Every structure is written in structure tokens, then in C-alpha cells.
Amino acid sequence: MAIDKHALLRPLFERLEALDALTEEERAALVDAASNEVRTFAAKQEIVAQGSRPSASTLVLSGLSARQTQLRDGDRLISGLHLSGDFVDLHSLVIGEMDHGILAMSDCTVITFPHSKLRDITATHPHLTRMLWLVTLIDAAMHRQWLVVKGGLDSLGEAAHLLCEMYVRHQMAGLARDRSFPFPLTQQDFGDALGKSLVQTNRVIQTLRKLGVIAWQGHQVTILDWDQLAEMAEFDPTYLNFSREPR
């Protein structure tokens, strides 16, 4: 049965439209570049393998995925999170071998864009190419900010910053309601993103709860005091580049 790629790619269109206007021709080019197959992954299933050489880039249609690096001792570090409308490995178009993997943190649906089709876009649609380049630059900016936070804030500030970032990103993607957003990470997952042990992570979460700044129940986080949480995180969303302007 044929799939409605126009409808499926709405999260991507909205993600790009938040940065600059797309023409109908550019939308059609993205629809043409997408594969004709939607894939599903269960939570904790690998989407892209570390060390692989993808021939297509993957877009998240629904769910939450994580960029992870597996260490020799079996531990892992999470260095990024991807929401609906995010490419998880657009950079693989030019980098080649993946030095990290992508893991589904919840049930995810994805669609791929063959690299040959993306190369066609770079050859024929300069504005759209800049838009896709900007997406990768924002992804890099988030990675830089994670490094700054890890080096400049205490454990409580790090956790607060990650929660602030995830709330703002969910809000911009239309996935947050009444200061609540889906967050299907376990405490171990959260610790892997912070680079903290499970004991340290649990202590930080309990402190945030006692301070009355968040409620975390199941797979849902609610921010009860945004001002205090943002102050603890020294949060400035400039690095997320959520400004709409000509590119």
C-alpha cells in the first residue's frame, strides 16, 4: 500500500519552516528524496550501528532516539537526543563511517533518505541544501553546549539544563503541553546522558523534585517552576537557533 509521504514528512517540514520558508518545489524535492518505506523500532533497539557506513540518512517521524557511543569496557555515553522531525545521521552523507550509534529510547518510526537523492538536492536546490546544512550546524551547536555544560555546571545544573533543552525542543516541535513533555528515559539513560552514575543521577532527580521545580512520573516530565530551573541551568536557548529568517 502506498504511503502518504507528504503527511509523514510534516514534522520535517515544520522543523525547517521554523528556520525559514520552504517553497512547494523544495517540499516536493524532500518528498521525492524520501524512501517509500516506514520502519519501526522498539525501545532499546539499534537504529544505526556504530561503525556502519550508511547509504541513507534517517529521519525520526515519531519517538525519541539517542546518539550513543559504546566504550570498550561495555559502558556507553549518550551525546545527543533526537525528536520527531530530527535527522539522526544527516552528516553520514559526507562523513561515511559512523563513530557512534543511534538507539531507540522509545518505540520509534523512521523514514530514510538515500544519499544519492540527498546529493541530487545539493546539486539542484541550493537554498534547501543550506537549510539541511543549518540543521546539522544546530545539531553540532547542541553538542558543543552539552560539553560547555558538563565543564561549567555542577551535577544539578547539568540535569536542569538537559531538562530545559528538552522542554524547549519539544515545545518547538509541538510536543509539549502545559509545561509537560514526553521523556521516556530511565534514570540510567538520563545518567548516561549526564555522564553520571546511577546513584548520582537518582540523587539529582530527587533534589529537583524536593525543590519543587519538576515532577517526573513514568515517561512524562512536568516543569513546575521554569524560572528556577532555567536559573539553575544558566539556560540560554540561543544555541538552538529557533529564529526564522532568510537563509
Protein backbone atom coordinates (compact mmCIF):
# COMPACT_ATOMS: atom_id res chain seq x y z
CA MET A 1 0.00 0.00 0.00
CA ALA A 2 1.36 3.42 -0.97
CA ILE A 3 2.28 5.76 1.87
CA ASP A 4 1.42 9.46 2.07
CA LYS A 5 4.90 10.92 2.27
CA HIS A 6 3.60 14.47 2.34
CA ALA A 7 1.80 13.71 5.62
CA LEU A 8 4.65 11.65 7.03
CA LEU A 9 7.19 14.41 6.43
CA ARG A 10 5.12 17.08 8.17
CA PRO A 11 7.42 17.05 11.25
CA LEU A 12 10.40 17.74 8.97
CA PHE A 13 8.58 20.50 7.12
CA GLU A 14 7.63 22.14 10.42
CA ARG A 15 11.20 21.79 11.70
CA LEU A 16 12.58 23.56 8.62
CA GLU A 17 9.76 26.12 8.41
CA ALA A 18 10.67 27.25 11.94
CA LEU A 19 14.00 28.37 10.45
CA ASP A 20 12.96 29.74 7.04
CA ALA A 21 10.17 29.40 4.47
CA LEU A 22 10.13 26.36 2.21
CA THR A 23 8.86 26.56 -1.35
CA GLU A 24 6.48 23.97 -2.74
CA GLU A 25 9.26 22.86 -5.06
CA GLU A 26 11.54 22.25 -2.05
CA ARG A 27 8.84 20.28 -0.25
CA ALA A 28 8.36 18.17 -3.37
CA ALA A 29 12.12 17.56 -3.57
CA LEU A 30 12.14 16.26 0.02
CA VAL A 31 9.14 14.03 -0.68
CA ASP A 32 10.87 12.64 -3.76
CA ALA A 33 14.10 12.07 -1.78
CA ALA A 34 12.41 10.05 0.97
CA SER A 35 12.23 6.30 0.61
CA ASN A 36 8.88 4.53 0.20
CA GLU A 37 9.22 2.52 3.41
CA VAL A 38 8.49 3.48 7.00
CA ARG A 39 10.41 1.41 9.54
CA THR A 40 9.59 0.83 13.20
CA PHE A 41 11.96 0.18 16.07
CA ALA A 42 11.13 -0.94 19.58
CA ALA A 43 12.63 0.83 22.59
CA LYS A 44 16.30 -0.11 23.10
CA GLN A 45 16.60 -1.39 19.52
CA GLU A 46 19.53 -0.13 17.46
CA ILE A 47 18.55 2.14 14.55
CA VAL A 48 22.02 2.84 13.17
CA ALA A 49 25.04 0.79 14.20
CA GLN A 50 28.29 2.28 15.41
CA GLY A 51 30.97 1.51 12.79
CA SER A 52 28.46 1.13 9.96
CA ARG A 53 28.60 3.06 6.68
CA PRO A 54 25.00 4.12 5.98
CA SER A 55 23.86 4.59 2.40
CA ALA A 56 20.89 6.65 3.59
CA SER A 57 20.18 9.19 6.34
CA THR A 58 17.41 8.52 8.84
CA LEU A 59 14.65 10.91 9.90
CA VAL A 60 12.65 10.33 13.10
CA LEU A 61 8.91 10.51 12.44
CA SER A 62 7.85 9.69 16.00
CA GLY A 63 9.51 8.70 19.25
CA LEU A 64 12.80 9.56 20.91
CA SER A 65 16.22 8.25 19.91
CA ALA A 66 19.72 8.81 21.27
CA ARG A 67 23.20 9.20 19.86
CA GLN A 68 25.37 6.81 21.84
CA THR A 69 28.99 5.70 21.88
CA GLN A 70 29.84 2.24 23.14
CA LEU A 71 33.04 2.10 25.16
CA ARG A 72 35.45 -0.82 25.30
CA ASP A 73 34.53 -1.67 28.89
CA GLY A 74 30.89 -2.06 27.89
CA ASP A 75 29.75 1.29 29.25
CA ARG A 76 28.11 3.82 26.97
CA LEU A 77 27.75 7.57 26.76
CA ILE A 78 24.77 9.41 25.29
CA SER A 79 25.79 12.58 23.45
CA GLY A 80 22.51 13.67 21.86
CA LEU A 81 18.77 13.09 21.73
CA HIS A 82 16.55 13.19 18.63
CA LEU A 83 12.85 14.04 18.45
CA SER A 84 10.22 13.79 15.75
CA GLY A 85 11.41 15.82 12.76
CA ASP A 86 15.12 15.34 13.51
CA PHE A 87 17.63 13.65 11.24
CA VAL A 88 19.78 11.33 13.34
CA ASP A 89 22.67 10.98 10.89
CA LEU A 90 22.41 13.55 8.12
CA HIS A 91 26.18 14.00 8.46
CA SER A 92 26.72 10.42 7.26
CA LEU A 93 26.12 11.77 3.75
CA VAL A 94 29.68 13.12 3.76
CA ILE A 95 31.39 11.53 6.77
CA GLY A 96 30.96 7.88 5.86
CA GLU A 97 31.66 5.54 8.78
CA MET A 98 29.63 6.17 11.91
CA ASP A 99 31.77 6.77 15.00
CA HIS A 100 28.65 6.40 17.16
CA GLY A 101 25.33 4.56 17.00
CA ILE A 102 21.67 5.56 17.22
CA LEU A 103 19.43 3.77 19.73
CA ALA A 104 15.65 3.99 20.04
CA MET A 105 14.81 5.24 23.54
CA SER A 106 11.10 4.68 22.96
CA ASP A 107 9.16 2.99 20.19
CA CYS A 108 10.19 4.90 17.07
CA THR A 109 9.06 5.20 13.47
CA VAL A 110 11.58 6.44 10.92
CA ILE A 111 11.99 7.00 7.22
CA THR A 112 15.25 7.10 5.30
CA PHE A 113 16.63 9.37 2.60
CA PRO A 114 19.07 7.62 0.24
CA HIS A 115 22.32 9.53 -0.03
CA SER A 116 22.05 9.54 -3.82
CA LYS A 117 18.80 11.52 -3.51
CA LEU A 118 20.31 13.92 -0.98
CA ARG A 119 23.24 14.53 -3.32
CA ASP A 120 20.73 15.40 -6.05
CA ILE A 121 19.24 18.01 -3.72
CA THR A 122 22.67 19.55 -3.09
CA ALA A 123 23.16 19.81 -6.86
CA THR A 124 19.77 21.33 -7.74
CA HIS A 125 18.36 23.13 -4.66
CA PRO A 126 20.91 25.49 -3.10
CA HIS A 127 18.52 27.06 -0.57
CA LEU A 128 17.24 23.69 0.63
CA THR A 129 20.84 22.50 0.86
CA ARG A 130 21.61 25.44 3.16
CA MET A 131 18.58 24.54 5.26
CA LEU A 132 19.77 20.96 5.68
CA TRP A 133 23.26 22.23 6.42
CA LEU A 134 21.79 24.50 9.09
CA VAL A 135 20.10 21.50 10.71
CA THR A 136 23.48 19.79 11.04
CA LEU A 137 25.03 23.01 12.39
CA ILE A 138 22.33 23.27 15.07
CA ASP A 139 22.96 19.64 15.95
CA ALA A 140 26.65 20.50 16.36
CA ALA A 141 25.75 23.55 18.45
CA MET A 142 23.75 21.36 20.83
CA HIS A 143 26.71 19.00 21.13
CA ARG A 144 29.02 21.94 21.94
CA GLN A 145 26.59 23.21 24.55
CA TRP A 146 26.49 19.80 26.23
CA LEU A 147 30.30 19.97 26.52
CA VAL A 148 30.16 23.51 27.94
CA VAL A 149 27.53 22.47 30.48
CA LYS A 150 29.47 19.40 31.57
CA GLY A 151 32.57 21.52 32.14
CA GLY A 152 30.91 24.56 33.67
CA LEU A 153 27.99 23.46 35.85
CA ASP A 154 27.56 21.18 38.83
CA SER A 155 25.51 17.99 38.61
CA LEU A 156 22.27 19.75 39.49
CA GLY A 157 22.86 22.41 36.85
CA GLU A 158 23.68 19.79 34.21
CA ALA A 159 20.45 17.92 34.83
CA ALA A 160 18.44 21.15 34.87
CA HIS A 161 20.00 22.24 31.57
CA LEU A 162 19.16 18.97 29.81
CA LEU A 163 15.56 19.19 31.01
CA CYS A 164 15.31 22.83 29.89
CA GLU A 165 16.67 21.94 26.45
CA MET A 166 14.33 19.01 26.03
CA TYR A 167 11.32 21.05 27.08
CA VAL A 168 12.11 23.86 24.61
CA ARG A 169 12.76 21.43 21.78
CA HIS A 170 9.53 19.53 22.48
CA GLN A 171 7.67 22.84 22.67
CA MET A 172 9.00 23.98 19.29
CA ALA A 173 8.07 20.61 17.79
CA GLY A 174 4.52 20.92 19.14
CA LEU A 175 5.05 18.00 21.52
CA ALA A 176 4.82 19.84 24.86
CA ARG A 177 1.58 20.62 26.68
CA ASP A 178 1.16 22.71 29.83
CA ARG A 179 4.88 22.61 30.61
CA SER A 180 4.84 18.80 30.25
CA PHE A 181 6.68 16.75 27.66
CA PRO A 182 7.29 13.05 26.94
CA PHE A 183 10.61 11.85 28.32
CA PRO A 184 10.86 8.05 28.06
CA LEU A 185 14.36 7.79 29.55
CA THR A 186 15.15 5.61 32.52
CA GLN A 187 17.29 7.05 35.28
CA GLN A 188 20.16 5.00 33.86
CA ASP A 189 19.60 6.56 30.42
CA PHE A 190 19.46 10.02 31.99
CA GLY A 191 22.70 9.28 33.83
CA ASP A 192 24.37 8.14 30.60
CA ALA A 193 23.41 11.48 29.05
CA LEU A 194 24.83 13.36 32.03
CA GLY A 195 27.90 11.17 32.38
CA LYS A 196 26.89 10.33 35.97
CA SER A 197 26.48 7.11 37.92
CA LEU A 198 23.00 5.82 38.69
CA VAL A 199 23.42 6.81 42.35
CA GLN A 200 24.43 10.37 41.42
CA THR A 201 21.60 10.63 38.93
CA ASN A 202 18.99 9.44 41.41
CA ARG A 203 20.26 11.97 43.96
CA VAL A 204 20.00 14.82 41.45
CA ILE A 205 16.47 13.87 40.38
CA GLN A 206 15.32 13.62 43.98
CA THR A 207 16.80 17.06 44.71
CA LEU A 208 14.98 18.62 41.74
CA ARG A 209 11.74 17.07 42.97
CA LYS A 210 12.26 18.27 46.55
CA LEU A 211 12.97 21.79 45.30
CA GLY A 212 9.61 21.69 43.54
CA VAL A 213 10.95 22.51 40.09
CA ILE A 214 9.94 19.31 38.28
CA ALA A 215 7.61 16.34 38.51
CA TRP A 216 8.75 13.17 36.76
CA GLN A 217 6.17 10.41 36.56
CA GLY A 218 6.60 7.46 34.24
CA HIS A 219 7.53 8.77 30.82
CA GLN A 220 6.37 12.34 31.43
CA VAL A 221 8.23 15.33 32.88
CA THR A 222 6.38 18.43 34.05
CA ILE A 223 8.25 21.65 34.80
CA LEU A 224 6.69 23.21 37.89
CA ASP A 225 8.99 26.23 38.21
CA TRP A 226 10.56 27.21 34.87
CA ASP A 227 12.30 30.31 36.19
CA GLN A 228 14.11 28.44 38.94
CA LEU A 229 15.02 25.52 36.67
CA ALA A 230 16.37 27.86 33.96
CA GLU A 231 18.35 29.81 36.56
CA MET A 232 19.91 26.63 37.94
CA ALA A 233 20.82 25.63 34.38
CA GLU A 234 22.06 29.10 33.33
CA PHE A 235 19.90 28.28 30.32
CA ASP A 236 20.14 30.47 27.23
CA PRO A 237 18.37 28.92 24.21
CA THR A 238 20.39 30.96 21.67
CA TYR A 239 22.35 27.87 20.62
CA LEU A 240 19.13 26.19 19.48
CA ASN A 241 18.74 28.85 16.75
CA PHE A 242 14.95 28.96 16.82
CA SER A 243 14.78 32.16 14.80
CA ARG A 244 13.02 32.33 11.45
CA GLU A 245 14.97 34.37 8.93
CA PRO A 246 16.15 34.20 5.31
CA ARG A 247 18.88 31.60 4.89
